[in-house]
């Protein structure tokens, strides 16, 4: 679950590659994200004890300061929140993007 999707087959496999998962069809595109129902499943499975629901709202607003204040940089990008979300929200990708934006802003 912690890997990243590859969009083409020209990317090499190296000795640091731990595994490959080949799917018959693009399963992610089958599910359209819907509104959050605030069930709390993402919070229950987060190994970093974060509140992914709140971090996702912050990430959609691109608020890097609030993301840092709410512990967003502590996210280990495991994908548990996205996997358990019944609304099929792409939280892990949003967190990864925000962590990148924070690092870019720090370099400035």
PDB file of N, CA and C in Angstrom:
ATOM      1  N   UNK A   1       0.804  -1.201   0.000  1.00  0.00           N
ATOM      2  CA  UNK A   1       0.000   0.000   0.000  1.00  0.00           C
ATOM      3  C   UNK A   1       0.843   1.259   0.000  1.00  0.00           C
ATOM      4  N   UNK A   2       2.090   1.166   0.388  1.00  0.00           N
ATOM      5  CA  UNK A   2       2.897   2.373   0.497  1.00  0.00           C
ATOM      6  C   UNK A   2       3.603   2.745  -0.801  1.00  0.00           C
ATOM      7  N   UNK A   3       3.455   1.957  -1.817  1.00  0.00           N
ATOM      8  CA  UNK A   3       4.125   2.249  -3.075  1.00  0.00           C
ATOM      9  C   UNK A   3       3.432   3.346  -3.845  1.00  0.00           C
ATOM     10  N   UNK A   4       3.988   3.622  -4.997  1.00  0.00           N
ATOM     11  CA  UNK A   4       3.380   4.634  -5.850  1.00  0.00           C
ATOM     12  C   UNK A   4       2.986   4.001  -7.180  1.00  0.00           C
ATOM     13  N   UNK A   5       1.949   4.550  -7.772  1.00  0.00           N
ATOM     14  CA  UNK A   5       1.461   4.036  -9.044  1.00  0.00           C
ATOM     15  C   UNK A   5       2.389   4.474 -10.167  1.00  0.00           C
ATOM     16  N   UNK A   6       2.633   3.575 -11.085  1.00  0.00           N
ATOM     17  CA  UNK A   6       3.459   3.877 -12.251  1.00  0.00           C
ATOM     18  C   UNK A   6       2.538   4.033 -13.451  1.00  0.00           C
ATOM     19  N   UNK A   7       2.757   5.077 -14.225  1.00  0.00           N
ATOM     20  CA  UNK A   7       1.833   5.346 -15.323  1.00  0.00           C
ATOM     21  C   UNK A   7       2.260   4.682 -16.638  1.00  0.00           C
ATOM     22  N   UNK A   8       3.491   4.167 -16.682  1.00  0.00           N
ATOM     23  CA  UNK A   8       3.921   3.431 -17.869  1.00  0.00           C
ATOM     24  C   UNK A   8       4.930   2.361 -17.458  1.00  0.00           C
ATOM     25  N   UNK A   9       5.232   1.464 -18.368  1.00  0.00           N
ATOM     26  CA  UNK A   9       6.074   0.310 -18.044  1.00  0.00           C
ATOM     27  C   UNK A   9       7.558   0.542 -18.287  1.00  0.00           C
ATOM     28  N   UNK A  10       7.971   1.761 -18.609  1.00  0.00           N
ATOM     29  CA  UNK A  10       9.368   2.046 -18.909  1.00  0.00           C
ATOM     30  C   UNK A  10      10.216   2.343 -17.671  1.00  0.00           C
ATOM     31  N   UNK A  11       9.635   2.261 -16.511  1.00  0.00           N
ATOM     32  CA  UNK A  11      10.361   2.534 -15.268  1.00  0.00           C
ATOM     33  C   UNK A  11      11.053   1.243 -14.832  1.00  0.00           C
ATOM     34  N   UNK A  12      12.370   1.294 -14.596  1.00  0.00           N
ATOM     35  CA  UNK A  12      13.110   0.066 -14.276  1.00  0.00           C
ATOM     36  C   UNK A  12      12.856  -0.437 -12.857  1.00  0.00           C
ATOM     37  N   UNK A  13      13.019  -1.723 -12.681  1.00  0.00           N
ATOM     38  CA  UNK A  13      12.980  -2.345 -11.363  1.00  0.00           C
ATOM     39  C   UNK A  13      14.418  -2.422 -10.874  1.00  0.00           C
ATOM     40  N   UNK A  14      14.670  -1.909  -9.678  1.00  0.00           N
ATOM     41  CA  UNK A  14      16.021  -1.892  -9.122  1.00  0.00           C
ATOM     42  C   UNK A  14      16.078  -2.778  -7.882  1.00  0.00           C
ATOM     43  N   UNK A  15      17.253  -2.881  -7.299  1.00  0.00           N
ATOM     44  CA  UNK A  15      17.390  -3.723  -6.116  1.00  0.00           C
ATOM     45  C   UNK A  15      16.674  -3.146  -4.898  1.00  0.00           C
ATOM     46  N   UNK A  16      16.297  -1.886  -4.959  1.00  0.00           N
ATOM     47  CA  UNK A  16      15.539  -1.294  -3.857  1.00  0.00           C
ATOM     48  C   UNK A  16      14.041  -1.516  -4.004  1.00  0.00           C
ATOM     49  N   UNK A  17      13.602  -2.070  -5.125  1.00  0.00           N
ATOM     50  CA  UNK A  17      12.190  -2.384  -5.325  1.00  0.00           C
ATOM     51  C   UNK A  17      11.856  -3.614  -4.487  1.00  0.00           C
ATOM     52  N   UNK A  18      10.872  -3.469  -3.598  1.00  0.00           N
ATOM     53  CA  UNK A  18      10.557  -4.593  -2.717  1.00  0.00           C
ATOM     54  C   UNK A  18       9.493  -5.506  -3.313  1.00  0.00           C
ATOM     55  N   UNK A  19       8.587  -4.953  -4.090  1.00  0.00           N
ATOM     56  CA  UNK A  19       7.549  -5.789  -4.690  1.00  0.00           C
ATOM     57  C   UNK A  19       6.840  -5.028  -5.806  1.00  0.00           C
ATOM     58  N   UNK A  20       6.126  -5.764  -6.615  1.00  0.00           N
ATOM     59  CA  UNK A  20       5.317  -5.192  -7.690  1.00  0.00           C
ATOM     60  C   UNK A  20       3.906  -5.737  -7.570  1.00  0.00           C
ATOM     61  N   UNK A  21       2.943  -4.906  -7.836  1.00  0.00           N
ATOM     62  CA  UNK A  21       1.557  -5.323  -7.828  1.00  0.00           C
ATOM     63  C   UNK A  21       0.978  -4.984  -9.194  1.00  0.00           C
ATOM     64  N   UNK A  22       0.644  -6.005  -9.963  1.00  0.00           N
ATOM     65  CA  UNK A  22       0.100  -5.797 -11.304  1.00  0.00           C
ATOM     66  C   UNK A  22      -1.401  -6.067 -11.276  1.00  0.00           C
ATOM     67  N   UNK A  23      -2.184  -5.040 -11.562  1.00  0.00           N
ATOM     68  CA  UNK A  23      -3.632  -5.161 -11.557  1.00  0.00           C
ATOM     69  C   UNK A  23      -4.134  -5.297 -12.979  1.00  0.00           C
ATOM     70  N   UNK A  24      -5.220  -6.011 -13.139  1.00  0.00           N
ATOM     71  CA  UNK A  24      -5.800  -6.231 -14.457  1.00  0.00           C
ATOM     72  C   UNK A  24      -6.421  -4.949 -14.994  1.00  0.00           C
ATOM     73  N   UNK A  25      -7.021  -4.173 -14.104  1.00  0.00           N
ATOM     74  CA  UNK A  25      -7.643  -2.922 -14.514  1.00  0.00           C
ATOM     75  C   UNK A  25      -7.311  -1.843 -13.498  1.00  0.00           C
ATOM     76  N   UNK A  26      -7.537  -0.623 -13.852  1.00  0.00           N
ATOM     77  CA  UNK A  26      -7.272   0.501 -12.972  1.00  0.00           C
ATOM     78  C   UNK A  26      -8.390   0.584 -11.940  1.00  0.00           C
ATOM     79  N   UNK A  27      -8.151  -0.004 -10.765  1.00  0.00           N
ATOM     80  CA  UNK A  27      -9.187  -0.065  -9.736  1.00  0.00           C
ATOM     81  C   UNK A  27      -9.484   1.291  -9.127  1.00  0.00           C
ATOM     82  N   UNK A  28      -8.506   2.172  -9.095  1.00  0.00           N
ATOM     83  CA  UNK A  28      -8.722   3.492  -8.502  1.00  0.00           C
ATOM     84  C   UNK A  28      -9.724   4.291  -9.317  1.00  0.00           C
ATOM     85  N   UNK A  29      -9.661   4.189 -10.631  1.00  0.00           N
ATOM     86  CA  UNK A  29     -10.568   4.973 -11.469  1.00  0.00           C
ATOM     87  C   UNK A  29     -12.016   4.465 -11.405  1.00  0.00           C
ATOM     88  N   UNK A  30     -12.229   3.279 -10.862  1.00  0.00           N
ATOM     89  CA  UNK A  30     -13.587   2.754 -10.740  1.00  0.00           C
ATOM     90  C   UNK A  30     -14.385   3.469  -9.650  1.00  0.00           C
ATOM     91  N   UNK A  31     -13.687   4.044  -8.685  1.00  0.00           N
ATOM     92  CA  UNK A  31     -14.348   4.672  -7.554  1.00  0.00           C
ATOM     93  C   UNK A  31     -14.201   6.183  -7.616  1.00  0.00           C
ATOM     94  N   UNK A  32     -15.306   6.853  -7.690  1.00  0.00           N
ATOM     95  CA  UNK A  32     -15.314   8.312  -7.688  1.00  0.00           C
ATOM     96  C   UNK A  32     -15.409   8.783  -6.238  1.00  0.00           C
ATOM     97  N   UNK A  33     -14.493   9.655  -5.797  1.00  0.00           N
ATOM     98  CA  UNK A  33     -14.562  10.138  -4.418  1.00  0.00           C
ATOM     99  C   UNK A  33     -15.876  10.880  -4.154  1.00  0.00           C
ATOM    100  N   UNK A  34     -16.416  10.671  -2.977  1.00  0.00           N
ATOM    101  CA  UNK A  34     -17.646  11.350  -2.593  1.00  0.00           C
ATOM    102  C   UNK A  34     -17.400  12.189  -1.342  1.00  0.00           C
ATOM    103  N   UNK A  35     -18.431  12.803  -0.839  1.00  0.00           N
ATOM    104  CA  UNK A  35     -18.302  13.658   0.340  1.00  0.00           C
ATOM    105  C   UNK A  35     -17.959  12.826   1.569  1.00  0.00           C
ATOM    106  N   UNK A  36     -17.175  13.416   2.455  1.00  0.00           N
ATOM    107  CA  UNK A  36     -16.781  12.766   3.697  1.00  0.00           C
ATOM    108  C   UNK A  36     -18.007  12.617   4.596  1.00  0.00           C
ATOM    109  N   UNK A  37     -18.190  11.422   5.164  1.00  0.00           N
ATOM    110  CA  UNK A  37     -19.330  11.184   6.051  1.00  0.00           C
ATOM    111  C   UNK A  37     -18.913  11.253   7.521  1.00  0.00           C
ATOM    112  N   UNK A  38     -17.652  11.629   7.770  1.00  0.00           N
ATOM    113  CA  UNK A  38     -17.108  11.802   9.123  1.00  0.00           C
ATOM    114  C   UNK A  38     -17.296  10.561   9.992  1.00  0.00           C
ATOM    115  N   UNK A  39     -16.974   9.411   9.412  1.00  0.00           N
ATOM    116  CA  UNK A  39     -17.125   8.154  10.138  1.00  0.00           C
ATOM    117  C   UNK A  39     -15.972   7.916  11.124  1.00  0.00           C
ATOM    118  N   UNK A  40     -14.820   8.516  10.869  1.00  0.00           N
ATOM    119  CA  UNK A  40     -13.682   8.364  11.764  1.00  0.00           C
ATOM    120  C   UNK A  40     -12.818   7.151  11.511  1.00  0.00           C
ATOM    121  N   UNK A  41     -13.097   6.410  10.465  1.00  0.00           N
ATOM    122  CA  UNK A  41     -12.284   5.213  10.175  1.00  0.00           C
ATOM    123  C   UNK A  41     -10.838   5.575   9.883  1.00  0.00           C
ATOM    124  N   UNK A  42     -10.631   6.678   9.178  1.00  0.00           N
ATOM    125  CA  UNK A  42      -9.268   7.088   8.838  1.00  0.00           C
ATOM    126  C   UNK A  42      -8.477   7.406  10.104  1.00  0.00           C
ATOM    127  N   UNK A  43      -9.118   8.040  11.059  1.00  0.00           N
ATOM    128  CA  UNK A  43      -8.467   8.388  12.327  1.00  0.00           C
ATOM    129  C   UNK A  43      -8.144   7.126  13.127  1.00  0.00           C
ATOM    130  N   UNK A  44      -9.042   6.160  13.092  1.00  0.00           N
ATOM    131  CA  UNK A  44      -8.853   4.927  13.861  1.00  0.00           C
ATOM    132  C   UNK A  44      -7.675   4.101  13.370  1.00  0.00           C
ATOM    133  N   UNK A  45      -7.384   4.152  12.068  1.00  0.00           N
ATOM    134  CA  UNK A  45      -6.316   3.307  11.516  1.00  0.00           C
ATOM    135  C   UNK A  45      -4.984   4.025  11.348  1.00  0.00           C
ATOM    136  N   UNK A  46      -4.935   5.322  11.631  1.00  0.00           N
ATOM    137  CA  UNK A  46      -3.702   6.085  11.416  1.00  0.00           C
ATOM    138  C   UNK A  46      -2.634   5.674  12.431  1.00  0.00           C
ATOM    139  N   UNK A  47      -1.506   5.110  11.963  1.00  0.00           N
ATOM    140  CA  UNK A  47      -0.450   4.710  12.893  1.00  0.00           C
ATOM    141  C   UNK A  47       0.288   5.889  13.516  1.00  0.00           C
ATOM    142  N   UNK A  48       0.174   7.077  12.912  1.00  0.00           N
ATOM    143  CA  UNK A  48       0.818   8.280  13.452  1.00  0.00           C
ATOM    144  C   UNK A  48      -0.103   9.055  14.387  1.00  0.00           C
ATOM    145  N   UNK A  49      -1.301   8.511  14.629  1.00  0.00           N
ATOM    146  CA  UNK A  49      -2.305   9.122  15.510  1.00  0.00           C
ATOM    147  C   UNK A  49      -2.705  10.524  15.053  1.00  0.00           C
ATOM    148  N   UNK A  50      -2.817  10.709  13.749  1.00  0.00           N
ATOM    149  CA  UNK A  50      -3.251  11.982  13.166  1.00  0.00           C
ATOM    150  C   UNK A  50      -4.755  11.946  12.910  1.00  0.00           C
ATOM    151  N   UNK A  51      -5.296  13.061  12.472  1.00  0.00           N
ATOM    152  CA  UNK A  51      -6.706  13.144  12.085  1.00  0.00           C
ATOM    153  C   UNK A  51      -6.731  13.409  10.580  1.00  0.00           C
ATOM    154  N   UNK A  52      -6.668  12.344   9.771  1.00  0.00           N
ATOM    155  CA  UNK A  52      -6.584  12.511   8.324  1.00  0.00           C
ATOM    156  C   UNK A  52      -7.729  13.307   7.710  1.00  0.00           C
ATOM    157  N   UNK A  53      -8.907  13.199   8.275  1.00  0.00           N
ATOM    158  CA  UNK A  53     -10.061  13.937   7.769  1.00  0.00           C
ATOM    159  C   UNK A  53      -9.795  15.444   7.809  1.00  0.00           C
ATOM    160  N   UNK A  54      -9.267  15.924   8.920  1.00  0.00           N
ATOM    161  CA  UNK A  54      -8.969  17.347   9.068  1.00  0.00           C
ATOM    162  C   UNK A  54      -7.795  17.750   8.173  1.00  0.00           C
ATOM    163  N   UNK A  55      -6.773  16.895   8.109  1.00  0.00           N
ATOM    164  CA  UNK A  55      -5.620  17.181   7.264  1.00  0.00           C
ATOM    165  C   UNK A  55      -6.025  17.247   5.788  1.00  0.00           C
ATOM    166  N   UNK A  56      -6.968  16.411   5.394  1.00  0.00           N
ATOM    167  CA  UNK A  56      -7.422  16.418   4.004  1.00  0.00           C
ATOM    168  C   UNK A  56      -8.133  17.724   3.670  1.00  0.00           C
ATOM    169  N   UNK A  57      -8.950  18.215   4.597  1.00  0.00           N
ATOM    170  CA  UNK A  57      -9.620  19.503   4.379  1.00  0.00           C
ATOM    171  C   UNK A  57      -8.592  20.615   4.231  1.00  0.00           C
ATOM    172  N   UNK A  58      -7.563  20.579   5.055  1.00  0.00           N
ATOM    173  CA  UNK A  58      -6.498  21.579   4.982  1.00  0.00           C
ATOM    174  C   UNK A  58      -5.740  21.457   3.668  1.00  0.00           C
ATOM    175  N   UNK A  59      -5.475  20.217   3.252  1.00  0.00           N
ATOM    176  CA  UNK A  59      -4.722  19.979   2.018  1.00  0.00           C
ATOM    177  C   UNK A  59      -5.487  20.470   0.794  1.00  0.00           C
ATOM    178  N   UNK A  60      -6.798  20.352   0.801  1.00  0.00           N
ATOM    179  CA  UNK A  60      -7.572  20.818  -0.350  1.00  0.00           C
ATOM    180  C   UNK A  60      -7.552  22.340  -0.460  1.00  0.00           C
ATOM    181  N   UNK A  61      -7.254  23.015   0.662  1.00  0.00           N
ATOM    182  CA  UNK A  61      -7.146  24.480   0.656  1.00  0.00           C
ATOM    183  C   UNK A  61      -5.710  24.950   0.437  1.00  0.00           C
ATOM    184  N   UNK A  62      -4.772  24.019   0.343  1.00  0.00           N
ATOM    185  CA  UNK A  62      -3.339  24.316   0.168  1.00  0.00           C
ATOM    186  C   UNK A  62      -2.801  25.229   1.268  1.00  0.00           C
ATOM    187  N   UNK A  63      -3.255  25.027   2.482  1.00  0.00           N
ATOM    188  CA  UNK A  63      -2.819  25.827   3.633  1.00  0.00           C
ATOM    189  C   UNK A  63      -1.651  25.111   4.311  1.00  0.00           C
ATOM    190  N   UNK A  64      -0.436  25.468   3.916  1.00  0.00           N
ATOM    191  CA  UNK A  64       0.746  24.770   4.429  1.00  0.00           C
ATOM    192  C   UNK A  64       0.978  25.019   5.913  1.00  0.00           C
ATOM    193  N   UNK A  65       0.679  26.224   6.386  1.00  0.00           N
ATOM    194  CA  UNK A  65       0.882  26.524   7.804  1.00  0.00           C
ATOM    195  C   UNK A  65      -0.030  25.681   8.686  1.00  0.00           C
ATOM    196  N   UNK A  66      -1.299  25.584   8.333  1.00  0.00           N
ATOM    197  CA  UNK A  66      -2.241  24.775   9.101  1.00  0.00           C
ATOM    198  C   UNK A  66      -1.875  23.296   9.008  1.00  0.00           C
ATOM    199  N   UNK A  67      -1.367  22.881   7.862  1.00  0.00           N
ATOM    200  CA  UNK A  67      -0.954  21.489   7.679  1.00  0.00           C
ATOM    201  C   UNK A  67       0.168  21.144   8.659  1.00  0.00           C
ATOM    202  N   UNK A  68       1.132  22.033   8.795  1.00  0.00           N
ATOM    203  CA  UNK A  68       2.236  21.815   9.736  1.00  0.00           C
ATOM    204  C   UNK A  68       1.724  21.830  11.169  1.00  0.00           C
ATOM    205  N   UNK A  69       0.873  22.786  11.510  1.00  0.00           N
ATOM    206  CA  UNK A  69       0.348  22.909  12.881  1.00  0.00           C
ATOM    207  C   UNK A  69      -0.472  21.696  13.306  1.00  0.00           C
ATOM    208  N   UNK A  70      -1.132  21.039  12.357  1.00  0.00           N
ATOM    209  CA  UNK A  70      -1.952  19.875  12.670  1.00  0.00           C
ATOM    210  C   UNK A  70      -1.193  18.565  12.531  1.00  0.00           C
ATOM    211  N   UNK A  71       0.136  18.643  12.420  1.00  0.00           N
ATOM    212  CA  UNK A  71       0.963  17.435  12.400  1.00  0.00           C
ATOM    213  C   UNK A  71       1.068  16.744  11.064  1.00  0.00           C
ATOM    214  N   UNK A  72       0.744  17.417  10.004  1.00  0.00           N
ATOM    215  CA  UNK A  72       0.767  16.801   8.683  1.00  0.00           C
ATOM    216  C   UNK A  72       2.122  16.266   8.263  1.00  0.00           C
ATOM    217  N   UNK A  73       3.193  16.889   8.754  1.00  0.00           N
ATOM    218  CA  UNK A  73       4.538  16.426   8.393  1.00  0.00           C
ATOM    219  C   UNK A  73       4.886  15.110   9.087  1.00  0.00           C
ATOM    220  N   UNK A  74       4.084  14.707  10.066  1.00  0.00           N
ATOM    221  CA  UNK A  74       4.293  13.435  10.766  1.00  0.00           C
ATOM    222  C   UNK A  74       3.685  12.255  10.006  1.00  0.00           C
ATOM    223  N   UNK A  75       2.925  12.539   8.973  1.00  0.00           N
ATOM    224  CA  UNK A  75       2.300  11.484   8.168  1.00  0.00           C
ATOM    225  C   UNK A  75       3.382  10.626   7.516  1.00  0.00           C
ATOM    226  N   UNK A  76       3.254   9.315   7.649  1.00  0.00           N
ATOM    227  CA  UNK A  76       4.239   8.405   7.056  1.00  0.00           C
ATOM    228  C   UNK A  76       3.797   7.896   5.682  1.00  0.00           C
ATOM    229  N   UNK A  77       2.676   8.405   5.196  1.00  0.00           N
ATOM    230  CA  UNK A  77       2.159   8.077   3.860  1.00  0.00           C
ATOM    231  C   UNK A  77       1.954   6.579   3.671  1.00  0.00           C
ATOM    232  N   UNK A  78       1.385   5.942   4.679  1.00  0.00           N
ATOM    233  CA  UNK A  78       1.182   4.495   4.623  1.00  0.00           C
ATOM    234  C   UNK A  78      -0.011   4.113   3.746  1.00  0.00           C
ATOM    235  N   UNK A  79      -0.979   5.004   3.604  1.00  0.00           N
ATOM    236  CA  UNK A  79      -2.135   4.729   2.762  1.00  0.00           C
ATOM    237  C   UNK A  79      -3.307   4.101   3.487  1.00  0.00           C
ATOM    238  N   UNK A  80      -3.186   3.876   4.791  1.00  0.00           N
ATOM    239  CA  UNK A  80      -4.270   3.247   5.544  1.00  0.00           C
ATOM    240  C   UNK A  80      -5.544   4.085   5.515  1.00  0.00           C
ATOM    241  N   UNK A  81      -5.403   5.406   5.616  1.00  0.00           N
ATOM    242  CA  UNK A  81      -6.580   6.274   5.629  1.00  0.00           C
ATOM    243  C   UNK A  81      -7.332   6.209   4.298  1.00  0.00           C
ATOM    244  N   UNK A  82      -6.605   6.248   3.204  1.00  0.00           N
ATOM    245  CA  UNK A  82      -7.239   6.185   1.886  1.00  0.00           C
ATOM    246  C   UNK A  82      -7.893   4.824   1.653  1.00  0.00           C
ATOM    247  N   UNK A  83      -7.242   3.777   2.166  1.00  0.00           N
ATOM    248  CA  UNK A  83      -7.754   2.417   1.968  1.00  0.00           C
ATOM    249  C   UNK A  83      -9.051   2.192   2.727  1.00  0.00           C
ATOM    250  N   UNK A  84      -9.143   2.711   3.946  1.00  0.00           N
ATOM    251  CA  UNK A  84     -10.329   2.452   4.768  1.00  0.00           C
ATOM    252  C   UNK A  84     -11.460   3.440   4.532  1.00  0.00           C
ATOM    253  N   UNK A  85     -11.194   4.528   3.834  1.00  0.00           N
ATOM    254  CA  UNK A  85     -12.203   5.573   3.644  1.00  0.00           C
ATOM    255  C   UNK A  85     -13.370   5.069   2.786  1.00  0.00           C
ATOM    256  N   UNK A  86     -14.595   5.054   3.337  1.00  0.00           N
ATOM    257  CA  UNK A  86     -15.737   4.616   2.531  1.00  0.00           C
ATOM    258  C   UNK A  86     -16.104   5.616   1.438  1.00  0.00           C
ATOM    259  N   UNK A  87     -15.646   6.860   1.572  1.00  0.00           N
ATOM    260  CA  UNK A  87     -15.908   7.877   0.555  1.00  0.00           C
ATOM    261  C   UNK A  87     -14.880   7.818  -0.576  1.00  0.00           C
ATOM    262  N   UNK A  88     -13.885   6.930  -0.446  1.00  0.00           N
ATOM    263  CA  UNK A  88     -12.842   6.721  -1.465  1.00  0.00           C
ATOM    264  C   UNK A  88     -12.075   8.004  -1.775  1.00  0.00           C
ATOM    265  N   UNK A  89     -11.727   8.749  -0.731  1.00  0.00           N
ATOM    266  CA  UNK A  89     -10.958   9.985  -0.904  1.00  0.00           C
ATOM    267  C   UNK A  89      -9.478   9.647  -0.996  1.00  0.00           C
ATOM    268  N   UNK A  90      -8.768  10.364  -1.836  1.00  0.00           N
ATOM    269  CA  UNK A  90      -7.341  10.134  -2.048  1.00  0.00           C
ATOM    270  C   UNK A  90      -6.518  10.962  -1.068  1.00  0.00           C
ATOM    271  N   UNK A  91      -6.616  10.608   0.196  1.00  0.00           N
ATOM    272  CA  UNK A  91      -5.964  11.380   1.242  1.00  0.00           C
ATOM    273  C   UNK A  91      -4.447  11.287   1.180  1.00  0.00           C
ATOM    274  N   UNK A  92      -3.922  10.100   0.973  1.00  0.00           N
ATOM    275  CA  UNK A  92      -2.469   9.919   0.966  1.00  0.00           C
ATOM    276  C   UNK A  92      -1.812  10.771  -0.114  1.00  0.00           C
ATOM    277  N   UNK A  93      -2.407  10.829  -1.286  1.00  0.00           N
ATOM    278  CA  UNK A  93      -1.848  11.634  -2.362  1.00  0.00           C
ATOM    279  C   UNK A  93      -1.890  13.116  -2.006  1.00  0.00           C
ATOM    280  N   UNK A  94      -2.959  13.552  -1.351  1.00  0.00           N
ATOM    281  CA  UNK A  94      -3.072  14.955  -0.940  1.00  0.00           C
ATOM    282  C   UNK A  94      -2.015  15.299   0.101  1.00  0.00           C
ATOM    283  N   UNK A  95      -1.755  14.367   1.026  1.00  0.00           N
ATOM    284  CA  UNK A  95      -0.748  14.603   2.061  1.00  0.00           C
ATOM    285  C   UNK A  95       0.653  14.636   1.461  1.00  0.00           C
ATOM    286  N   UNK A  96       0.887  13.761   0.515  1.00  0.00           N
ATOM    287  CA  UNK A  96       2.190  13.738  -0.146  1.00  0.00           C
ATOM    288  C   UNK A  96       2.442  15.058  -0.879  1.00  0.00           C
ATOM    289  N   UNK A  97       1.405  15.571  -1.531  1.00  0.00           N
ATOM    290  CA  UNK A  97       1.512  16.850  -2.241  1.00  0.00           C
ATOM    291  C   UNK A  97       1.792  17.986  -1.263  1.00  0.00           C
ATOM    292  N   UNK A  98       1.087  17.997  -0.134  1.00  0.00           N
ATOM    293  CA  UNK A  98       1.278  19.053   0.849  1.00  0.00           C
ATOM    294  C   UNK A  98       2.672  18.991   1.471  1.00  0.00           C
ATOM    295  N   UNK A  99       3.170  17.807   1.739  1.00  0.00           N
ATOM    296  CA  UNK A  99       4.514  17.680   2.293  1.00  0.00           C
ATOM    297  C   UNK A  99       5.543  18.208   1.301  1.00  0.00           C
ATOM    298  N   UNK A 100       5.302  17.983   0.028  1.00  0.00           N
ATOM    299  CA  UNK A 100       6.187  18.510  -1.006  1.00  0.00           C
ATOM    300  C   UNK A 100       6.130  20.038  -1.026  1.00  0.00           C
ATOM    301  N   UNK A 101       4.910  20.609  -0.948  1.00  0.00           N
ATOM    302  CA  UNK A 101       4.762  22.066  -0.944  1.00  0.00           C
ATOM    303  C   UNK A 101       5.458  22.692   0.266  1.00  0.00           C
ATOM    304  N   UNK A 102       5.362  22.039   1.411  1.00  0.00           N
ATOM    305  CA  UNK A 102       6.024  22.548   2.613  1.00  0.00           C
ATOM    306  C   UNK A 102       7.539  22.556   2.419  1.00  0.00           C
ATOM    307  N   UNK A 103       8.069  21.470   1.856  1.00  0.00           N
ATOM    308  CA  UNK A 103       9.512  21.400   1.646  1.00  0.00           C
ATOM    309  C   UNK A 103       9.977  22.443   0.624  1.00  0.00           C
ATOM    310  N   UNK A 104       9.186  22.705  -0.399  1.00  0.00           N
ATOM    311  CA  UNK A 104       9.533  23.732  -1.394  1.00  0.00           C
ATOM    312  C   UNK A 104       9.528  25.107  -0.745  1.00  0.00           C
ATOM    313  N   UNK A 105       8.529  25.358   0.100  1.00  0.00           N
ATOM    314  CA  UNK A 105       8.431  26.658   0.780  1.00  0.00           C
ATOM    315  C   UNK A 105       9.587  26.868   1.750  1.00  0.00           C
ATOM    316  N   UNK A 106      10.080  25.807   2.360  1.00  0.00           N
ATOM    317  CA  UNK A 106      11.211  25.940   3.286  1.00  0.00           C
ATOM    318  C   UNK A 106      12.493  26.284   2.557  1.00  0.00           C
ATOM    319  N   UNK A 107      12.629  25.808   1.322  1.00  0.00           N
ATOM    320  CA  UNK A 107      13.838  26.085   0.534  1.00  0.00           C
ATOM    321  C   UNK A 107      13.917  27.532   0.084  1.00  0.00           C
ATOM    322  N   UNK A 108      12.781  28.208   0.050  1.00  0.00           N
ATOM    323  CA  UNK A 108      12.741  29.596  -0.440  1.00  0.00           C
ATOM    324  C   UNK A 108      13.367  30.552   0.534  1.00  0.00           C
TER     325      UNK A 108
END
